[in-house]
């Protein structure tokens, strides 16, 4: 098929994006941020700065008669010296609810991080395009999902017909979690578990899942407080263990403080607290977590727990302890907050699931498991009668290419 000539050029602006809380103008284009600049300034954390700029859950959403679309953008990819190369970021094109195409940018800036020293080596790349031809004739709803695992500076859309922002009247679901919520080990942006759940539940996702950075930070709570939302969920646990960030004495007050701040902006919004999914290495063994150096020597990426189970007596956190504490905190608060709910993460991924679908790196689910978690969350949290059930039109998954 002959590619159509692009006769329209449209700069990427906020009204064309869904799930993007903040945009930064750069010399190249616009960079998506999922936390405000003031939060990043308070954290001063390179890990958080990296993951919050990776646009998990963010998509360009337009209505158009175009049959050919190209997004021009500059990608930044991150990798770790000595670790296996990460897969390229994928763009998913969804037309009228159907996944019709996927693509990646051929050129990118590559940042290689030395895990021992924290130093970074940068190889500069340039602006490139991801193009989709042969789209159906006539007016249609088009969503171009951005990669969940690499930063992109968005320059412009090139199309063979005008585009206009799509209207989206679905309830807004605001979610916060760890790298599992961001989508680690998923192969495409519509395959991360929050995107699967949002499609099935018929909700408009704003994903504040941050790899290694779901740490009960006050600035994240304030960002959630200030973000418009109809439904809210908070998945807490794994990062507090694998960073060995706090002890039991600090954990309870930190959870209460986080919930208090969110409630300052959303006093009556349905709010679901989710405890950790199963992670065998940290069920009863505290952190910190670390790369398994023996696996790295074999060209594989795996994680291990370095704590001592006996340290639980001194207040070190494990996933078992966190599940018990979250259930208690939510139960006690719900007496005065009827819109506060709890979901045990083992209902999303538990012991039987681990037998069938083990975590390939001992920490993150693979694509099949992301899908299972998303389907279960839609049933347990978003379906009629469930804690976050809004008044919805029926949801559906984007059909496979």
Protein backbone atom coordinates (compact mmCIF):
# COMPACT_ATOMS: atom_id res chain seq x y z
CA UNK A 1 0.00 0.00 0.00
CA UNK A 2 1.33 3.44 -0.92
CA UNK A 3 1.84 5.69 2.10
CA UNK A 4 -0.43 8.72 2.12
CA UNK A 5 1.09 12.19 2.01
CA UNK A 6 0.96 14.01 5.32
CA UNK A 7 -0.68 17.36 4.65
CA UNK A 8 -1.38 18.42 8.26
CA UNK A 9 1.11 19.08 11.04
CA UNK A 10 -0.20 19.48 14.60
CA UNK A 11 1.97 20.38 17.61
CA UNK A 12 1.40 18.21 20.67
CA UNK A 13 -0.47 20.21 23.30
CA UNK A 14 -2.16 19.36 26.58
CA UNK A 15 -5.64 19.12 25.04
CA UNK A 16 -4.49 16.20 22.87
CA UNK A 17 -3.21 14.15 25.83
CA UNK A 18 -4.99 11.98 28.40
CA UNK A 19 -3.42 10.85 31.66
CA UNK A 20 -0.69 13.52 31.59
CA UNK A 21 -0.80 15.66 34.75
CA UNK A 22 1.94 18.09 33.67
CA UNK A 23 3.89 19.04 30.52
CA UNK A 24 7.35 20.59 30.29
CA UNK A 25 8.28 22.63 27.24
CA UNK A 26 11.74 21.63 26.01
CA UNK A 27 13.83 22.86 23.06
CA UNK A 28 12.67 19.74 21.20
CA UNK A 29 8.98 19.59 22.10
CA UNK A 30 7.04 18.70 25.23
CA UNK A 31 7.97 16.15 27.88
CA UNK A 32 5.26 14.47 29.94
CA UNK A 33 5.60 14.57 33.72
CA UNK A 34 3.42 12.53 36.03
CA UNK A 35 4.43 14.56 39.08
CA UNK A 36 4.64 18.35 39.40
CA UNK A 37 8.02 20.06 39.29
CA UNK A 38 7.80 21.09 42.94
CA UNK A 39 7.54 17.42 43.94
CA UNK A 40 10.66 16.53 41.98
CA UNK A 41 12.53 19.39 43.57
CA UNK A 42 11.64 18.10 47.04
CA UNK A 43 12.71 14.56 46.23
CA UNK A 44 16.00 15.34 44.41
CA UNK A 45 16.02 11.64 43.46
CA UNK A 46 17.35 10.52 40.04
CA UNK A 47 15.31 7.30 40.20
CA UNK A 48 12.03 9.17 40.69
CA UNK A 49 12.97 11.76 38.05
CA UNK A 50 13.56 8.94 35.57
CA UNK A 51 10.37 6.96 36.16
CA UNK A 52 7.90 9.82 36.54
CA UNK A 53 8.94 11.15 33.12
CA UNK A 54 8.19 7.78 31.53
CA UNK A 55 4.59 8.29 30.36
CA UNK A 56 2.93 5.13 31.64
CA UNK A 57 -0.80 5.31 30.93
CA UNK A 58 -0.49 8.49 28.85
CA UNK A 59 -1.98 8.59 25.37
CA UNK A 60 -2.63 11.02 22.56
CA UNK A 61 -6.40 10.99 22.00
CA UNK A 62 -7.84 12.54 18.84
CA UNK A 63 -10.81 12.31 16.53
CA UNK A 64 -9.84 12.31 12.86
CA UNK A 65 -10.56 10.98 9.38
CA UNK A 66 -6.82 10.46 8.81
CA UNK A 67 -5.71 7.16 7.32
CA UNK A 68 -2.02 7.85 8.03
CA UNK A 69 -0.55 9.15 11.29
CA UNK A 70 3.05 9.78 12.30
CA UNK A 71 4.25 10.98 15.70
CA UNK A 72 7.62 12.75 15.72
CA UNK A 73 9.41 12.41 19.04
CA UNK A 74 12.75 12.04 20.82
CA UNK A 75 13.05 9.00 23.08
CA UNK A 76 15.39 8.58 26.04
CA UNK A 77 16.09 4.99 27.05
CA UNK A 78 17.69 3.87 30.29
CA UNK A 79 19.73 0.75 30.91
CA UNK A 80 22.12 -0.66 33.52
CA UNK A 81 25.72 -1.59 32.83
CA UNK A 82 26.16 -5.33 32.94
CA UNK A 83 22.43 -6.07 32.85
CA UNK A 84 20.53 -7.45 29.85
CA UNK A 85 19.28 -4.77 27.44
CA UNK A 86 15.73 -3.66 28.07
CA UNK A 87 13.14 -3.95 25.31
CA UNK A 88 12.46 -0.86 23.23
CA UNK A 89 9.54 1.30 24.24
CA UNK A 90 6.40 0.53 22.26
CA UNK A 91 3.69 2.86 20.95
CA UNK A 92 0.24 1.23 20.72
CA UNK A 93 -2.30 2.59 18.24
CA UNK A 94 -5.93 1.97 19.24
CA UNK A 95 -8.69 2.90 16.78
CA UNK A 96 -12.30 2.79 17.99
CA UNK A 97 -11.26 0.48 20.80
CA UNK A 98 -9.25 -1.90 18.62
CA UNK A 99 -5.48 -2.27 18.81
CA UNK A 100 -4.45 -1.88 15.17
CA UNK A 101 -0.72 -1.19 15.26
CA UNK A 102 2.48 -1.02 17.26
CA UNK A 103 5.80 0.65 16.65
CA UNK A 104 9.00 1.94 18.24
CA UNK A 105 11.33 4.84 17.56
CA UNK A 106 14.46 3.64 15.78
CA UNK A 107 16.64 6.44 17.16
CA UNK A 108 16.93 7.42 20.82
CA UNK A 109 19.19 8.95 23.42
CA UNK A 110 20.58 6.08 25.52
CA UNK A 111 21.52 6.53 29.18
CA UNK A 112 23.59 3.71 30.70
CA UNK A 113 23.70 3.66 34.52
CA UNK A 114 26.54 2.04 36.44
CA UNK A 115 24.85 0.23 39.34
CA UNK A 116 28.01 0.26 41.45
CA UNK A 117 28.86 3.96 41.22
CA UNK A 118 25.61 5.60 40.08
CA UNK A 119 27.45 7.29 37.21
CA UNK A 120 25.71 7.74 33.88
CA UNK A 121 26.96 7.55 30.31
CA UNK A 122 24.84 9.32 27.69
CA UNK A 123 24.79 8.62 23.96
CA UNK A 124 22.75 11.34 22.26
CA UNK A 125 20.06 10.44 19.72
CA UNK A 126 17.78 12.47 17.50
CA UNK A 127 14.13 13.05 16.70
CA UNK A 128 12.52 10.13 14.92
CA UNK A 129 9.03 9.09 13.86
CA UNK A 130 6.65 6.23 14.48
CA UNK A 131 4.17 5.93 11.60
CA UNK A 132 0.92 4.06 11.04
CA UNK A 133 -0.61 3.76 7.56
CA UNK A 134 -3.72 2.07 6.23
CA UNK A 135 -6.13 3.24 8.92
CA UNK A 136 -9.88 2.92 8.22
CA UNK A 137 -11.59 5.66 6.22
CA UNK A 138 -13.99 8.05 7.95
CA UNK A 139 -14.16 9.75 11.33
CA UNK A 140 -12.79 7.63 14.16
CA UNK A 141 -11.46 7.79 17.68
CA UNK A 142 -7.67 7.33 17.75
CA UNK A 143 -5.55 6.78 20.85
CA UNK A 144 -1.78 6.55 20.55
CA UNK A 145 -0.47 5.10 23.82
CA UNK A 146 3.04 6.25 24.72
CA UNK A 147 5.70 3.84 26.02
CA UNK A 148 5.47 3.00 29.71
CA UNK A 149 9.22 2.39 30.01
CA UNK A 150 11.04 5.22 28.22
CA UNK A 151 10.91 9.01 28.27
CA UNK A 152 9.68 10.72 25.10
CA UNK A 153 9.72 14.36 24.09
CA UNK A 154 6.74 14.85 21.79
CA UNK A 155 7.24 17.13 18.80
CA UNK A 156 4.26 16.91 16.44
CA UNK A 157 1.66 14.78 14.74
CA UNK A 158 1.76 14.47 10.96
CA UNK A 159 -1.48 13.29 9.36
CA UNK A 160 -3.30 13.29 6.04
CA UNK A 161 -6.41 14.89 7.57
CA UNK A 162 -7.06 17.31 10.44
CA UNK A 163 -7.19 16.10 14.04
CA UNK A 164 -9.12 17.45 17.00
CA UNK A 165 -9.06 16.48 20.69
CA UNK A 166 -11.28 13.55 21.61
CA UNK A 167 -13.90 14.06 24.28
CA UNK A 168 -13.72 11.49 27.09
CA UNK A 169 -16.63 11.40 29.54
CA UNK A 170 -15.56 8.27 31.39
CA UNK A 171 -14.97 8.51 35.15
CA UNK A 172 -11.35 9.37 35.97
CA UNK A 173 -9.49 6.66 37.89
CA UNK A 174 -6.39 7.96 39.69
CA UNK A 175 -4.00 5.18 40.70
CA UNK A 176 -0.65 5.18 42.54
CA UNK A 177 1.72 2.27 42.92
CA UNK A 178 5.18 0.88 42.23
CA UNK A 179 7.01 -0.41 39.15
CA UNK A 180 4.39 -3.14 38.88
CA UNK A 181 1.75 -0.43 38.40
CA UNK A 182 4.04 1.45 36.02
CA UNK A 183 4.24 -1.73 33.95
CA UNK A 184 7.65 -3.33 34.47
CA UNK A 185 8.05 -6.48 32.32
CA UNK A 186 4.89 -5.75 30.32
CA UNK A 187 5.63 -5.68 26.59
CA UNK A 188 3.35 -2.83 25.54
CA UNK A 189 1.61 0.18 27.14
CA UNK A 190 -1.95 -1.13 26.74
CA UNK A 191 -0.80 -4.38 28.39
CA UNK A 192 0.20 -2.97 31.78
CA UNK A 193 -2.29 -4.11 34.39
CA UNK A 194 -3.83 -0.67 35.12
CA UNK A 195 -4.48 -0.16 31.38
CA UNK A 196 -6.06 -3.61 31.13
CA UNK A 197 -8.28 -2.87 34.13
CA UNK A 198 -9.21 0.61 32.86
CA UNK A 199 -10.24 -0.76 29.47
CA UNK A 200 -12.40 -3.47 31.03
CA UNK A 201 -13.85 -1.13 33.64
CA UNK A 202 -14.59 1.71 31.23
CA UNK A 203 -12.61 4.32 33.17
CA UNK A 204 -10.14 7.05 32.18
CA UNK A 205 -6.75 6.14 33.69
CA UNK A 206 -4.30 8.53 35.33
CA UNK A 207 -1.40 6.29 36.32
CA UNK A 208 0.96 7.43 39.07
CA UNK A 209 2.81 4.13 39.19
CA UNK A 210 6.50 4.91 39.77
CA UNK A 211 9.20 2.25 39.58
CA UNK A 212 11.01 1.98 42.92
CA UNK A 213 9.21 5.07 44.19
CA UNK A 214 5.90 4.17 45.85
CA UNK A 215 7.29 5.32 49.18
CA UNK A 216 4.43 7.18 50.90
CA UNK A 217 6.08 10.46 49.93
CA UNK A 218 4.06 13.49 51.11
CA UNK A 219 4.52 15.23 47.75
CA UNK A 220 2.89 12.29 45.96
CA UNK A 221 -0.04 12.48 48.35
CA UNK A 222 -0.36 16.21 47.61
CA UNK A 223 -0.25 15.51 43.86
CA UNK A 224 -3.11 13.04 44.29
CA UNK A 225 -4.97 15.52 46.46
CA UNK A 226 -4.77 18.12 43.71
CA UNK A 227 -5.60 15.84 40.75
CA UNK A 228 -9.28 15.68 39.72
CA UNK A 229 -10.56 12.13 40.11
CA UNK A 230 -13.78 10.17 40.43
CA UNK A 231 -12.10 7.00 41.74
CA UNK A 232 -8.79 6.55 43.57
CA UNK A 233 -6.61 3.57 44.39
CA UNK A 234 -3.34 3.31 46.28
CA UNK A 235 -1.12 0.22 46.13
CA UNK A 236 1.39 0.22 48.98
CA UNK A 237 4.13 -2.11 50.10
CA UNK A 238 6.79 -3.59 47.87
CA UNK A 239 8.97 -0.48 47.56
CA UNK A 240 8.89 0.13 51.29
CA UNK A 241 10.35 -3.34 51.79
CA UNK A 242 12.87 -3.50 48.96
CA UNK A 243 14.26 -0.06 49.77
CA UNK A 244 14.26 -0.84 53.51
CA UNK A 245 13.01 2.70 53.91
CA UNK A 246 11.22 2.65 57.27
CA UNK A 247 10.36 0.58 60.30
CA UNK A 248 6.98 -0.50 61.60
CA UNK A 249 6.74 2.47 64.01
CA UNK A 250 6.96 4.92 61.10
CA UNK A 251 4.81 2.92 58.67
CA UNK A 252 1.42 3.30 60.33
CA UNK A 253 1.59 7.08 60.81
CA UNK A 254 2.95 7.48 57.26
CA UNK A 255 -0.04 5.58 55.83
CA UNK A 256 -2.45 7.66 57.92
CA UNK A 257 -0.74 10.88 56.85
CA UNK A 258 -0.86 9.93 53.17
CA UNK A 259 -4.56 9.07 53.36
CA UNK A 260 -5.30 12.25 55.33
CA UNK A 261 -3.68 14.36 52.60
CA UNK A 262 -5.53 12.61 49.78
CA UNK A 263 -8.77 13.03 51.70
CA UNK A 264 -8.12 16.79 52.02
CA UNK A 265 -8.82 17.06 48.29
CA UNK A 266 -11.16 14.10 47.86
CA UNK A 267 -13.17 13.79 51.09
CA UNK A 268 -15.88 11.50 49.70
CA UNK A 269 -14.30 9.93 46.61
CA UNK A 270 -14.24 6.11 46.61
CA UNK A 271 -10.70 5.20 47.69
CA UNK A 272 -9.27 1.69 47.57
CA UNK A 273 -6.10 0.71 49.46
CA UNK A 274 -4.40 -2.33 47.89
CA UNK A 275 -1.83 -4.41 49.72
CA UNK A 276 1.09 -6.07 47.89
CA UNK A 277 0.75 -8.94 45.46
CA UNK A 278 2.75 -12.04 46.28
CA UNK A 279 6.53 -11.65 46.02
CA UNK A 280 8.14 -14.75 47.55
CA UNK A 281 11.56 -13.21 48.17
CA UNK A 282 10.06 -10.53 50.44
CA UNK A 283 7.08 -12.28 52.03
CA UNK A 284 8.92 -12.89 55.30
CA UNK A 285 12.39 -11.54 54.52
CA UNK A 286 13.02 -7.81 54.88
CA UNK A 287 14.96 -5.69 52.45
CA UNK A 288 16.87 -4.13 51.07
CA UNK A 289 16.43 -5.84 47.74
CA UNK A 290 19.38 -6.14 45.40
CA UNK A 291 20.36 -7.39 41.98
CA UNK A 292 21.38 -11.06 42.02
CA UNK A 293 25.00 -10.77 40.88
CA UNK A 294 25.24 -14.47 40.06
CA UNK A 295 22.32 -14.11 37.66
CA UNK A 296 23.89 -11.00 36.11
CA UNK A 297 27.07 -12.96 35.44
CA UNK A 298 24.89 -15.40 33.47
CA UNK A 299 23.27 -12.57 31.51
CA UNK A 300 19.99 -12.70 33.45
CA UNK A 301 18.25 -10.09 35.59
CA UNK A 302 16.93 -11.29 38.94
CA UNK A 303 16.45 -9.75 42.36
CA UNK A 304 17.07 -11.07 45.84
CA UNK A 305 16.26 -10.05 49.41
CA UNK A 306 19.30 -9.26 51.58
CA UNK A 307 17.62 -8.82 54.97
CA UNK A 308 17.36 -11.29 57.85
CA UNK A 309 13.90 -12.64 58.79
CA UNK A 310 14.91 -12.30 62.45
CA UNK A 311 15.02 -8.52 62.00
CA UNK A 312 11.20 -8.40 61.89
CA UNK A 313 11.31 -8.40 65.69
CA UNK A 314 13.11 -5.06 65.54
CA UNK A 315 10.42 -3.55 63.30
CA UNK A 316 11.77 -4.30 59.83
CA UNK A 317 8.99 -4.54 57.28
CA UNK A 318 8.03 -7.55 55.21
CA UNK A 319 5.10 -7.96 52.83
CA UNK A 320 3.27 -10.14 55.33
CA UNK A 321 3.57 -7.45 58.00
CA UNK A 322 2.44 -4.73 55.59
CA UNK A 323 -0.66 -6.69 54.55
CA UNK A 324 -1.66 -7.14 58.18
CA UNK A 325 -1.12 -3.47 58.99
CA UNK A 326 -2.97 -2.13 55.95
CA UNK A 327 -5.99 -4.32 56.63
CA UNK A 328 -6.09 -3.03 60.21
CA UNK A 329 -5.62 0.64 59.29
CA UNK A 330 -8.33 0.61 56.64
CA UNK A 331 -10.73 -1.30 58.90
CA UNK A 332 -10.28 1.25 61.68
CA UNK A 333 -10.53 4.30 59.42
CA UNK A 334 -13.54 2.94 57.53
CA UNK A 335 -15.62 3.31 60.68
CA UNK A 336 -15.63 7.07 59.95
CA UNK A 337 -14.97 6.88 56.20
CA UNK A 338 -17.52 4.65 54.44
CA UNK A 339 -15.92 5.31 51.03
CA UNK A 340 -12.58 3.85 52.11
CA UNK A 341 -11.99 0.22 51.10
CA UNK A 342 -9.28 -2.45 51.23
CA UNK A 343 -8.20 -5.10 48.71
CA UNK A 344 -5.77 -7.85 49.64
CA UNK A 345 -3.14 -7.99 46.90
CA UNK A 346 -3.05 -11.79 47.15
CA UNK A 347 -6.47 -11.78 45.48
CA UNK A 348 -4.80 -10.21 42.43
CA UNK A 349 -1.75 -12.50 42.40
CA UNK A 350 -1.27 -15.17 45.04
CA UNK A 351 0.39 -18.52 45.72
CA UNK A 352 -1.50 -20.51 43.08
CA UNK A 353 -0.71 -17.83 40.47
CA UNK A 354 2.98 -17.95 41.37
CA UNK A 355 3.01 -21.69 40.72
CA UNK A 356 1.52 -21.15 37.27
CA UNK A 357 3.07 -17.79 36.37
CA UNK A 358 6.18 -17.20 38.47
CA UNK A 359 7.73 -13.73 38.52
CA UNK A 360 10.54 -14.04 35.93
CA UNK A 361 12.94 -11.75 37.76
CA UNK A 362 11.47 -12.63 41.21
CA UNK A 363 9.97 -9.16 41.51
CA UNK A 364 7.92 -8.09 38.46
CA UNK A 365 5.09 -9.91 36.65
CA UNK A 366 5.36 -10.79 32.97
CA UNK A 367 2.83 -9.75 30.31
CA UNK A 368 0.47 -12.67 30.92
CA UNK A 369 0.45 -11.90 34.64
CA UNK A 370 -0.15 -8.19 34.04
CA UNK A 371 -3.22 -9.17 32.06
CA UNK A 372 -4.43 -11.51 34.80
CA UNK A 373 -3.97 -8.86 37.49
CA UNK A 374 -5.79 -6.27 35.37
CA UNK A 375 -8.70 -8.60 34.68
CA UNK A 376 -9.02 -9.47 38.36
CA UNK A 377 -8.81 -5.84 39.44
CA UNK A 378 -11.58 -4.92 37.00
CA UNK A 379 -13.76 -7.64 38.52
CA UNK A 380 -12.89 -7.02 42.17
CA UNK A 381 -12.71 -3.22 42.13
CA UNK A 382 -14.51 -1.76 39.11
CA UNK A 383 -17.41 -4.11 38.40
CA UNK A 384 -20.96 -3.34 39.58
CA UNK A 385 -21.13 -3.69 43.34
CA UNK A 386 -17.34 -3.43 43.75
CA UNK A 387 -15.65 -0.66 45.81
CA UNK A 388 -14.78 1.60 42.86
CA UNK A 389 -17.81 0.77 40.71
CA UNK A 390 -18.94 3.95 38.97
CA UNK A 391 -21.90 4.31 36.65
CA UNK A 392 -20.21 3.08 33.48
CA UNK A 393 -20.80 2.16 29.92
CA UNK A 394 -19.53 -1.38 29.29
CA UNK A 395 -15.77 -1.68 29.08
CA UNK A 396 -13.67 -3.76 26.73
CA UNK A 397 -10.08 -4.63 26.10
CA UNK A 398 -8.37 -3.30 22.99
CA UNK A 399 -8.44 -6.25 20.62
CA UNK A 400 -5.07 -7.70 19.67
CA UNK A 401 -3.36 -6.83 16.39
